[in-house]
Amino acid sequence: MKNYYEILEVDEKASQEVIDKAYRVLAKKYHPDLQEDKNKKIAEEKIKSLNEAYDVLSKPEKRKSYDAKRQIEKQNEERKKQAQQQNYVNNISSVYANQYANIQRQTEKDKQANKILKKEYKKELRRLRIKGFFKKVIATVSVLIVLFIICFVVYQIPFVKNWIYSLYEDNFIIKAIVDAIS
């Protein structure tokens, strides 16, 4: 629906005198005979719109009917805007609800994955500790065996054997320790 008030460039509450004056001024401004050749078509269309608007707004019954139709149209537009706004709000709400649900699901998956990782980490840590313990035991036993072999071989040499006996006999601390052990 055309807005006749905008066409006549007046307010919706304008008096009849204001409407008459606005029509006369605009009719004179856009009269086709006063326009250049290239603007005559546009001026003719503008004059038709001005005449139509003035015809409706200059007659009280037509103006009341037009205002009632405009009011209904405004109400319908307002309802559409409110419906669009509500739709928008509902869409945004559903988007946020879906995002929140997705985040909750992902958080739960992450918690489950973390539990599994912790369990596996503890298993691996235990395995590495046991493996490290066995490596230490094997290293210690190997060192002791090597020391025993070295001592046995060295003890078999007569010069070393005599030196160890003399060390035992001459040193009272070593003698006390050996006697305490045996």
N, C-alpha and C. Protein backbone atom coordinates (compact mmCIF):
# COMPACT_ATOMS: atom_id res chain seq x y z
N MET A 1 0.85 -1.18 0.00
CA MET A 1 0.00 0.00 0.00
C MET A 1 0.90 1.24 0.00
N LYS A 2 0.56 2.17 -0.86
CA LYS A 2 1.34 3.40 -0.96
C LYS A 2 1.13 4.25 0.29
N ASN A 3 2.20 4.96 0.64
CA ASN A 3 2.10 5.88 1.77
C ASN A 3 1.84 7.28 1.21
N TYR A 4 0.57 7.68 1.22
CA TYR A 4 0.20 8.97 0.64
C TYR A 4 0.78 10.14 1.43
N TYR A 5 0.99 9.96 2.70
CA TYR A 5 1.59 11.03 3.51
C TYR A 5 3.02 11.29 3.07
N GLU A 6 3.74 10.23 2.78
CA GLU A 6 5.11 10.41 2.30
C GLU A 6 5.12 11.03 0.90
N ILE A 7 4.18 10.64 0.07
CA ILE A 7 4.12 11.20 -1.28
C ILE A 7 3.90 12.71 -1.22
N LEU A 8 3.01 13.15 -0.31
CA LEU A 8 2.75 14.58 -0.17
C LEU A 8 3.73 15.26 0.79
N GLU A 9 4.62 14.46 1.38
CA GLU A 9 5.66 14.96 2.28
C GLU A 9 5.06 15.71 3.47
N VAL A 10 4.04 15.08 4.08
CA VAL A 10 3.41 15.66 5.28
C VAL A 10 3.34 14.59 6.36
N ASP A 11 3.07 15.05 7.58
CA ASP A 11 2.91 14.15 8.71
C ASP A 11 1.52 13.52 8.67
N GLU A 12 1.37 12.36 9.31
CA GLU A 12 0.07 11.67 9.31
C GLU A 12 -1.00 12.46 10.05
N LYS A 13 -0.60 13.34 10.94
CA LYS A 13 -1.57 14.14 11.71
C LYS A 13 -1.75 15.54 11.12
N ALA A 14 -1.29 15.73 9.89
CA ALA A 14 -1.36 17.05 9.25
C ALA A 14 -2.82 17.47 9.04
N SER A 15 -3.04 18.78 9.17
CA SER A 15 -4.40 19.31 8.96
C SER A 15 -4.69 19.39 7.46
N GLN A 16 -5.97 19.66 7.15
CA GLN A 16 -6.38 19.76 5.75
C GLN A 16 -5.66 20.91 5.05
N GLU A 17 -5.44 22.01 5.76
CA GLU A 17 -4.76 23.16 5.16
C GLU A 17 -3.31 22.80 4.78
N VAL A 18 -2.62 22.07 5.66
CA VAL A 18 -1.24 21.66 5.40
C VAL A 18 -1.19 20.73 4.19
N ILE A 19 -2.16 19.82 4.10
CA ILE A 19 -2.21 18.89 2.97
C ILE A 19 -2.44 19.65 1.68
N ASP A 20 -3.39 20.62 1.69
CA ASP A 20 -3.68 21.42 0.49
C ASP A 20 -2.44 22.19 0.04
N LYS A 21 -1.78 22.82 0.98
CA LYS A 21 -0.61 23.63 0.66
C LYS A 21 0.52 22.74 0.11
N ALA A 22 0.75 21.59 0.75
CA ALA A 22 1.79 20.67 0.31
C ALA A 22 1.50 20.19 -1.11
N TYR A 23 0.24 19.88 -1.39
CA TYR A 23 -0.13 19.43 -2.73
C TYR A 23 0.16 20.50 -3.77
N ARG A 24 -0.24 21.75 -3.48
CA ARG A 24 -0.03 22.83 -4.45
C ARG A 24 1.46 23.05 -4.71
N VAL A 25 2.25 23.04 -3.65
CA VAL A 25 3.69 23.27 -3.81
C VAL A 25 4.32 22.15 -4.64
N LEU A 26 4.00 20.88 -4.32
CA LEU A 26 4.58 19.75 -5.04
C LEU A 26 4.06 19.65 -6.47
N ALA A 27 2.78 19.99 -6.68
CA ALA A 27 2.21 19.95 -8.03
C ALA A 27 2.92 20.97 -8.92
N LYS A 28 3.18 22.13 -8.36
CA LYS A 28 3.90 23.16 -9.12
C LYS A 28 5.34 22.70 -9.39
N LYS A 29 5.97 22.10 -8.38
CA LYS A 29 7.37 21.67 -8.51
C LYS A 29 7.53 20.58 -9.57
N TYR A 30 6.60 19.63 -9.62
CA TYR A 30 6.73 18.46 -10.51
C TYR A 30 5.83 18.54 -11.76
N HIS A 31 5.23 19.68 -12.03
CA HIS A 31 4.34 19.79 -13.20
C HIS A 31 5.15 19.49 -14.46
N PRO A 32 4.63 18.58 -15.32
CA PRO A 32 5.39 18.16 -16.51
C PRO A 32 5.74 19.32 -17.46
N ASP A 33 4.89 20.32 -17.52
CA ASP A 33 5.15 21.44 -18.44
C ASP A 33 6.34 22.28 -17.98
N LEU A 34 6.68 22.19 -16.69
CA LEU A 34 7.79 22.97 -16.14
C LEU A 34 9.11 22.19 -16.12
N GLN A 35 9.09 20.98 -16.61
CA GLN A 35 10.26 20.11 -16.56
C GLN A 35 10.97 20.07 -17.92
N GLU A 36 12.23 19.68 -17.88
CA GLU A 36 12.97 19.46 -19.12
C GLU A 36 12.44 18.20 -19.78
N ASP A 37 12.76 18.03 -21.06
CA ASP A 37 12.24 16.88 -21.81
C ASP A 37 12.64 15.54 -21.21
N LYS A 38 13.86 15.44 -20.74
CA LYS A 38 14.33 14.16 -20.21
C LYS A 38 13.66 13.80 -18.87
N ASN A 39 13.12 14.77 -18.15
CA ASN A 39 12.49 14.52 -16.84
C ASN A 39 10.97 14.52 -16.90
N LYS A 40 10.37 14.68 -18.07
CA LYS A 40 8.91 14.76 -18.18
C LYS A 40 8.21 13.47 -17.76
N LYS A 41 8.77 12.33 -18.16
CA LYS A 41 8.15 11.03 -17.80
C LYS A 41 8.11 10.87 -16.28
N ILE A 42 9.24 11.17 -15.64
CA ILE A 42 9.32 11.05 -14.18
C ILE A 42 8.34 12.01 -13.53
N ALA A 43 8.25 13.23 -14.07
CA ALA A 43 7.35 14.24 -13.52
C ALA A 43 5.89 13.81 -13.68
N GLU A 44 5.57 13.20 -14.82
CA GLU A 44 4.18 12.73 -15.04
C GLU A 44 3.81 11.67 -14.01
N GLU A 45 4.75 10.72 -13.76
CA GLU A 45 4.50 9.68 -12.75
C GLU A 45 4.32 10.29 -11.36
N LYS A 46 5.16 11.27 -11.07
CA LYS A 46 5.10 11.94 -9.76
C LYS A 46 3.78 12.68 -9.61
N ILE A 47 3.32 13.36 -10.65
CA ILE A 47 2.04 14.10 -10.60
C ILE A 47 0.88 13.13 -10.41
N LYS A 48 0.94 11.97 -11.09
CA LYS A 48 -0.13 10.97 -10.91
C LYS A 48 -0.19 10.53 -9.45
N SER A 49 0.99 10.26 -8.87
CA SER A 49 1.04 9.85 -7.46
C SER A 49 0.52 10.95 -6.56
N LEU A 50 0.91 12.21 -6.84
CA LEU A 50 0.45 13.35 -6.03
C LEU A 50 -1.06 13.49 -6.11
N ASN A 51 -1.62 13.38 -7.33
CA ASN A 51 -3.08 13.50 -7.51
C ASN A 51 -3.81 12.40 -6.76
N GLU A 52 -3.29 11.18 -6.87
CA GLU A 52 -3.92 10.05 -6.17
C GLU A 52 -3.88 10.26 -4.66
N ALA A 53 -2.73 10.68 -4.15
CA ALA A 53 -2.60 10.91 -2.71
C ALA A 53 -3.51 12.06 -2.26
N TYR A 54 -3.55 13.13 -3.05
CA TYR A 54 -4.37 14.28 -2.67
C TYR A 54 -5.85 13.91 -2.73
N ASP A 55 -6.24 13.11 -3.72
CA ASP A 55 -7.64 12.69 -3.86
C ASP A 55 -8.09 11.94 -2.60
N VAL A 56 -7.21 11.09 -2.05
CA VAL A 56 -7.59 10.31 -0.87
C VAL A 56 -7.53 11.18 0.39
N LEU A 57 -6.46 11.96 0.54
CA LEU A 57 -6.27 12.70 1.80
C LEU A 57 -7.09 13.99 1.89
N SER A 58 -7.60 14.47 0.78
CA SER A 58 -8.38 15.72 0.82
C SER A 58 -9.83 15.49 1.18
N LYS A 59 -10.30 14.25 1.10
CA LYS A 59 -11.69 13.93 1.41
C LYS A 59 -11.73 13.18 2.74
N PRO A 60 -12.47 13.73 3.73
CA PRO A 60 -12.45 13.14 5.08
C PRO A 60 -12.83 11.66 5.14
N GLU A 61 -13.86 11.23 4.38
CA GLU A 61 -14.26 9.82 4.45
C GLU A 61 -13.18 8.92 3.87
N LYS A 62 -12.61 9.31 2.74
CA LYS A 62 -11.55 8.51 2.13
C LYS A 62 -10.31 8.49 3.02
N ARG A 63 -10.04 9.63 3.64
CA ARG A 63 -8.85 9.71 4.53
C ARG A 63 -9.04 8.78 5.73
N LYS A 64 -10.25 8.78 6.33
CA LYS A 64 -10.50 7.90 7.48
C LYS A 64 -10.36 6.43 7.06
N SER A 65 -10.91 6.09 5.92
CA SER A 65 -10.82 4.72 5.42
C SER A 65 -9.36 4.34 5.16
N TYR A 66 -8.63 5.29 4.51
CA TYR A 66 -7.20 5.05 4.22
C TYR A 66 -6.40 4.89 5.53
N ASP A 67 -6.68 5.77 6.50
CA ASP A 67 -5.96 5.69 7.79
C ASP A 67 -6.25 4.37 8.50
N ALA A 68 -7.50 3.91 8.42
CA ALA A 68 -7.86 2.63 9.05
C ALA A 68 -7.10 1.47 8.37
N LYS A 69 -7.05 1.51 7.04
CA LYS A 69 -6.33 0.46 6.31
C LYS A 69 -4.83 0.50 6.65
N ARG A 70 -4.28 1.74 6.74
CA ARG A 70 -2.85 1.88 7.10
C ARG A 70 -2.60 1.36 8.52
N GLN A 71 -3.55 1.64 9.41
CA GLN A 71 -3.39 1.16 10.79
C GLN A 71 -3.38 -0.37 10.83
N ILE A 72 -4.27 -0.98 10.08
CA ILE A 72 -4.31 -2.45 10.02
C ILE A 72 -3.02 -2.97 9.41
N GLU A 73 -2.55 -2.30 8.34
CA GLU A 73 -1.30 -2.72 7.71
C GLU A 73 -0.12 -2.58 8.67
N LYS A 74 -0.08 -1.48 9.43
CA LYS A 74 0.99 -1.29 10.41
C LYS A 74 0.95 -2.38 11.48
N GLN A 75 -0.27 -2.70 11.92
CA GLN A 75 -0.41 -3.76 12.93
C GLN A 75 0.07 -5.10 12.37
N ASN A 76 -0.30 -5.36 11.12
CA ASN A 76 0.15 -6.61 10.49
C ASN A 76 1.67 -6.64 10.36
N GLU A 77 2.24 -5.52 9.95
CA GLU A 77 3.70 -5.44 9.84
C GLU A 77 4.35 -5.62 11.20
N GLU A 78 3.76 -5.02 12.23
CA GLU A 78 4.31 -5.15 13.59
C GLU A 78 4.23 -6.62 14.04
N ARG A 79 3.09 -7.27 13.73
CA ARG A 79 2.97 -8.70 14.07
C ARG A 79 4.03 -9.53 13.34
N LYS A 80 4.24 -9.20 12.06
CA LYS A 80 5.26 -9.92 11.29
C LYS A 80 6.64 -9.71 11.91
N LYS A 81 6.92 -8.46 12.27
CA LYS A 81 8.23 -8.17 12.88
C LYS A 81 8.38 -8.93 14.19
N GLN A 82 7.31 -8.92 15.00
CA GLN A 82 7.38 -9.66 16.27
C GLN A 82 7.55 -11.15 16.04
N ALA A 83 6.84 -11.67 15.04
CA ALA A 83 6.98 -13.10 14.73
C ALA A 83 8.39 -13.40 14.24
N GLN A 84 8.94 -12.51 13.40
CA GLN A 84 10.30 -12.70 12.93
C GLN A 84 11.29 -12.63 14.09
N GLN A 85 11.04 -11.66 14.99
CA GLN A 85 11.92 -11.54 16.16
C GLN A 85 11.84 -12.79 17.02
N GLN A 86 10.61 -13.27 17.23
CA GLN A 86 10.45 -14.48 18.05
C GLN A 86 11.10 -15.67 17.37
N ASN A 87 10.94 -15.75 16.05
CA ASN A 87 11.60 -16.80 15.28
C ASN A 87 13.10 -16.72 15.46
N TYR A 88 13.61 -15.51 15.35
CA TYR A 88 15.05 -15.29 15.50
C TYR A 88 15.51 -15.72 16.89
N VAL A 89 14.77 -15.29 17.90
CA VAL A 89 15.12 -15.66 19.28
C VAL A 89 15.06 -17.17 19.45
N ASN A 90 14.01 -17.79 18.91
CA ASN A 90 13.89 -19.25 19.02
C ASN A 90 15.04 -19.95 18.30
N ASN A 91 15.39 -19.45 17.12
CA ASN A 91 16.51 -20.04 16.38
C ASN A 91 17.81 -19.91 17.14
N ILE A 92 18.05 -18.71 17.68
CA ILE A 92 19.27 -18.48 18.45
C ILE A 92 19.28 -19.39 19.67
N SER A 93 18.13 -19.48 20.34
CA SER A 93 18.05 -20.35 21.53
C SER A 93 18.34 -21.80 21.18
N SER A 94 17.77 -22.25 20.07
CA SER A 94 18.01 -23.65 19.68
C SER A 94 19.46 -23.87 19.29
N VAL A 95 20.06 -22.87 18.63
CA VAL A 95 21.48 -22.99 18.26
C VAL A 95 22.33 -23.09 19.52
N TYR A 96 22.06 -22.19 20.49
CA TYR A 96 22.84 -22.23 21.73
C TYR A 96 22.58 -23.52 22.51
N ALA A 97 21.34 -23.98 22.50
CA ALA A 97 21.04 -25.23 23.19
C ALA A 97 21.78 -26.40 22.54
N ASN A 98 21.80 -26.41 21.21
CA ASN A 98 22.54 -27.47 20.51
C ASN A 98 24.03 -27.38 20.78
N GLN A 99 24.57 -26.16 20.77
CA GLN A 99 25.99 -25.99 21.06
C GLN A 99 26.30 -26.44 22.48
N TYR A 100 25.44 -26.08 23.41
CA TYR A 100 25.65 -26.47 24.81
C TYR A 100 25.61 -27.99 24.94
N ALA A 101 24.64 -28.62 24.27
CA ALA A 101 24.54 -30.08 24.32
C ALA A 101 25.79 -30.72 23.70
N ASN A 102 26.25 -30.15 22.59
CA ASN A 102 27.48 -30.68 21.96
C ASN A 102 28.68 -30.53 22.88
N ILE A 103 28.76 -29.40 23.55
CA ILE A 103 29.88 -29.18 24.49
C ILE A 103 29.79 -30.17 25.64
N GLN A 104 28.58 -30.40 26.15
CA GLN A 104 28.41 -31.37 27.24
C GLN A 104 28.83 -32.77 26.79
N ARG A 105 28.41 -33.16 25.58
CA ARG A 105 28.79 -34.48 25.06
C ARG A 105 30.30 -34.59 24.90
N GLN A 106 30.90 -33.53 24.34
CA GLN A 106 32.35 -33.54 24.14
C GLN A 106 33.08 -33.59 25.47
N THR A 107 32.57 -32.86 26.46
CA THR A 107 33.18 -32.87 27.78
C THR A 107 33.12 -34.27 28.39
N GLU A 108 31.99 -34.93 28.22
CA GLU A 108 31.84 -36.29 28.75
C GLU A 108 32.80 -37.24 28.03
N LYS A 109 32.92 -37.09 26.72
CA LYS A 109 33.87 -37.93 25.96
C LYS A 109 35.29 -37.67 26.43
N ASP A 110 35.61 -36.40 26.64
CA ASP A 110 36.96 -36.05 27.10
C ASP A 110 37.24 -36.66 28.47
N LYS A 111 36.24 -36.63 29.37
CA LYS A 111 36.42 -37.22 30.70
C LYS A 111 36.69 -38.73 30.58
N GLN A 112 35.91 -39.38 29.74
CA GLN A 112 36.09 -40.83 29.54
C GLN A 112 37.49 -41.11 28.96
N ALA A 113 37.89 -40.33 27.98
CA ALA A 113 39.21 -40.52 27.37
C ALA A 113 40.31 -40.28 28.39
N ASN A 114 40.14 -39.27 29.23
CA ASN A 114 41.13 -38.98 30.28
C ASN A 114 41.24 -40.14 31.27
N LYS A 115 40.10 -40.74 31.64
CA LYS A 115 40.12 -41.88 32.55
C LYS A 115 40.92 -43.04 31.93
N ILE A 116 40.64 -43.30 30.67
CA ILE A 116 41.34 -44.39 29.98
C ILE A 116 42.84 -44.09 29.90
N LEU A 117 43.18 -42.84 29.57
CA LEU A 117 44.59 -42.46 29.48
C LEU A 117 45.29 -42.57 30.83
N LYS A 118 44.62 -42.16 31.90
CA LYS A 118 45.21 -42.28 33.24
C LYS A 118 45.47 -43.74 33.58
N LYS A 119 44.49 -44.58 33.27
CA LYS A 119 44.63 -46.00 33.57
C LYS A 119 45.81 -46.59 32.79
N GLU A 120 45.89 -46.27 31.51
CA GLU A 120 46.99 -46.76 30.69
C GLU A 120 48.33 -46.20 31.15
N TYR A 121 48.33 -44.93 31.57
CA TYR A 121 49.54 -44.30 32.05
C TYR A 121 50.04 -45.01 33.31
N LYS A 122 49.12 -45.30 34.21
CA LYS A 122 49.51 -46.00 35.45
C LYS A 122 50.07 -47.39 35.14
N LYS A 123 49.42 -48.10 34.19
CA LYS A 123 49.92 -49.42 33.80
C LYS A 123 51.34 -49.31 33.25
N GLU A 124 51.53 -48.36 32.35
CA GLU A 124 52.85 -48.19 31.73
C GLU A 124 53.89 -47.80 32.78
N LEU A 125 53.50 -46.94 33.70
CA LEU A 125 54.42 -46.52 34.76
C LEU A 125 54.83 -47.72 35.62
N ARG A 126 53.85 -48.56 35.99
CA ARG A 126 54.17 -49.77 36.75
C ARG A 126 55.10 -50.68 35.97
N ARG A 127 54.80 -50.87 34.69
CA ARG A 127 55.63 -51.73 33.85
C ARG A 127 57.07 -51.19 33.79
N LEU A 128 57.19 -49.87 33.63
CA LEU A 128 58.53 -49.27 33.56
C LEU A 128 59.25 -49.38 34.91
N ARG A 129 58.52 -49.24 36.01
CA ARG A 129 59.15 -49.37 37.33
C ARG A 129 59.68 -50.79 37.54
N ILE A 130 58.84 -51.76 37.17
CA ILE A 130 59.25 -53.16 37.32
C ILE A 130 60.45 -53.45 36.42
N LYS A 131 60.37 -52.97 35.20
CA LYS A 131 61.46 -53.17 34.25
C LYS A 131 62.74 -52.52 34.78
N GLY A 132 62.62 -51.31 35.33
CA GLY A 132 63.77 -50.62 35.91
C GLY A 132 64.33 -51.36 37.11
N PHE A 133 63.43 -51.91 37.94
CA PHE A 133 63.88 -52.68 39.10
C PHE A 133 64.68 -53.90 38.66
N PHE A 134 64.13 -54.63 37.66
CA PHE A 134 64.84 -55.82 37.18
C PHE A 134 66.18 -55.45 36.55
N LYS A 135 66.22 -54.32 35.85
CA LYS A 135 67.50 -53.89 35.27
C LYS A 135 68.51 -53.61 36.38
N LYS A 136 68.07 -52.98 37.46
CA LYS A 136 68.98 -52.69 38.58
C LYS A 136 69.46 -53.99 39.24
N VAL A 137 68.54 -54.94 39.43
CA VAL A 137 68.91 -56.22 40.04
C VAL A 137 69.92 -56.94 39.16
N ILE A 138 69.64 -57.00 37.87
CA ILE A 138 70.55 -57.67 36.93
C ILE A 138 71.91 -56.99 36.93
N ALA A 139 71.90 -55.63 36.93
CA ALA A 139 73.18 -54.90 36.94
C ALA A 139 73.95 -55.18 38.23
N THR A 140 73.25 -55.18 39.36
CA THR A 140 73.92 -55.44 40.64
C THR A 140 74.48 -56.85 40.68
N VAL A 141 73.69 -57.83 40.28
CA VAL A 141 74.15 -59.22 40.26
C VAL A 141 75.34 -59.37 39.31
N SER A 142 75.26 -58.72 38.15
CA SER A 142 76.37 -58.79 37.18
C SER A 142 77.64 -58.21 37.78
N VAL A 143 77.52 -57.08 38.44
CA VAL A 143 78.69 -56.45 39.07
C VAL A 143 79.26 -57.37 40.15
N LEU A 144 78.40 -57.96 40.95
CA LEU A 144 78.86 -58.86 42.02
C LEU A 144 79.56 -60.08 41.43
N ILE A 145 79.00 -60.64 40.37
CA ILE A 145 79.62 -61.80 39.73
C ILE A 145 80.99 -61.44 39.18
N VAL A 146 81.05 -60.29 38.49
CA VAL A 146 82.32 -59.85 37.92
C VAL A 146 83.32 -59.62 39.05
N LEU A 147 82.90 -58.98 40.14
CA LEU A 147 83.81 -58.76 41.29
C LEU A 147 84.26 -60.09 41.90
N PHE A 148 83.34 -61.03 42.01
CA PHE A 148 83.70 -62.33 42.56
C PHE A 148 84.73 -63.01 41.68
N ILE A 149 84.52 -62.97 40.36
CA ILE A 149 85.46 -63.59 39.43
C ILE A 149 86.82 -62.92 39.53
N ILE A 150 86.78 -61.58 39.55
CA ILE A 150 88.05 -60.85 39.65
C ILE A 150 88.77 -61.21 40.94
N CYS A 151 88.02 -61.22 42.04
CA CYS A 151 88.64 -61.56 43.34
C CYS A 151 89.18 -63.00 43.33
N PHE A 152 88.40 -63.90 42.76
CA PHE A 152 88.84 -65.29 42.71
C PHE A 152 90.11 -65.43 41.90
N VAL A 153 90.15 -64.77 40.72
CA VAL A 153 91.33 -64.84 39.86
C VAL A 153 92.52 -64.21 40.57
N VAL A 154 92.29 -63.05 41.14
CA VAL A 154 93.39 -62.35 41.81
C VAL A 154 93.88 -63.15 43.02
N TYR A 155 92.97 -63.80 43.72
CA TYR A 155 93.34 -64.57 44.90
C TYR A 155 94.19 -65.78 44.52
N GLN A 156 94.02 -66.23 43.31
CA GLN A 156 94.79 -67.39 42.85
C GLN A 156 96.25 -67.04 42.56
N ILE A 157 96.54 -65.78 42.41
CA ILE A 157 97.94 -65.37 42.18
C ILE A 157 98.65 -65.43 43.54
N PRO A 158 99.81 -66.15 43.64
CA PRO A 158 100.46 -66.33 44.93
C PRO A 158 100.90 -65.03 45.59
N PHE A 159 101.41 -64.10 44.84
CA PHE A 159 101.86 -62.84 45.42
C PHE A 159 100.70 -62.10 46.07
N VAL A 160 99.54 -62.05 45.42
CA VAL A 160 98.36 -61.36 45.94
C VAL A 160 97.86 -62.10 47.17
N LYS A 161 97.88 -63.41 47.12
CA LYS A 161 97.40 -64.22 48.24
C LYS A 161 98.24 -63.91 49.48
N ASN A 162 99.56 -63.86 49.35
CA ASN A 162 100.45 -63.54 50.47
C ASN A 162 100.19 -62.12 50.98
N TRP A 163 99.97 -61.19 50.08
CA TRP A 163 99.75 -59.79 50.47
C TRP A 163 98.46 -59.67 51.26
N ILE A 164 97.38 -60.41 50.85
CA ILE A 164 96.12 -60.36 51.57
C ILE A 164 96.29 -60.96 52.96
N TYR A 165 97.03 -62.09 53.10
CA TYR A 165 97.27 -62.67 54.42
C TYR A 165 98.03 -61.71 55.33
N SER A 166 99.04 -61.04 54.76
CA SER A 166 99.83 -60.11 55.58
C SER A 166 98.97 -58.91 55.97
N LEU A 167 98.10 -58.46 55.09
CA LEU A 167 97.20 -57.34 55.39
C LEU A 167 96.29 -57.72 56.54
N TYR A 168 95.80 -58.95 56.52
CA TYR A 168 94.92 -59.44 57.57
C TYR A 168 95.67 -59.53 58.89
N GLU A 169 96.86 -60.03 58.87
CA GLU A 169 97.63 -60.23 60.08
C GLU A 169 98.12 -58.91 60.67
N ASP A 170 98.51 -57.95 59.82
CA ASP A 170 99.11 -56.70 60.28
C ASP A 170 98.07 -55.64 60.66
N ASN A 171 96.90 -55.65 60.12
CA ASN A 171 95.92 -54.58 60.33
C ASN A 171 94.83 -55.09 61.26
N PHE A 172 94.77 -54.53 62.46
CA PHE A 172 93.83 -55.04 63.46
C PHE A 172 92.38 -54.68 63.12
N ILE A 173 92.14 -53.59 62.36
CA ILE A 173 90.76 -53.20 62.00
C ILE A 173 90.20 -54.22 61.02
N ILE A 174 90.97 -54.56 60.00
CA ILE A 174 90.51 -55.55 59.02
C ILE A 174 90.33 -56.90 59.69
N LYS A 175 91.25 -57.23 60.62
CA LYS A 175 91.14 -58.51 61.33
C LYS A 175 89.86 -58.54 62.15
N ALA A 176 89.50 -57.44 62.80
CA ALA A 176 88.29 -57.37 63.61
C ALA A 176 87.05 -57.52 62.73
N ILE A 177 87.07 -56.89 61.56
CA ILE A 177 85.92 -56.97 60.66
C ILE A 177 85.74 -58.37 60.14
N VAL A 178 86.85 -59.01 59.68
CA VAL A 178 86.78 -60.36 59.14
C VAL A 178 86.36 -61.31 60.23
N ASP A 179 86.87 -61.17 61.43
CA ASP A 179 86.49 -62.07 62.54
C ASP A 179 85.00 -61.87 62.87
N ALA A 180 84.51 -60.66 62.79
CA ALA A 180 83.11 -60.39 63.11
C ALA A 180 82.20 -61.01 62.07
N ILE A 181 82.64 -61.01 60.83
CA ILE A 181 81.82 -61.56 59.74
C ILE A 181 81.81 -63.09 59.84
N SER A 182 82.96 -63.70 60.12
CA SER A 182 83.02 -65.15 60.12
C SER A 182 82.73 -65.70 61.46
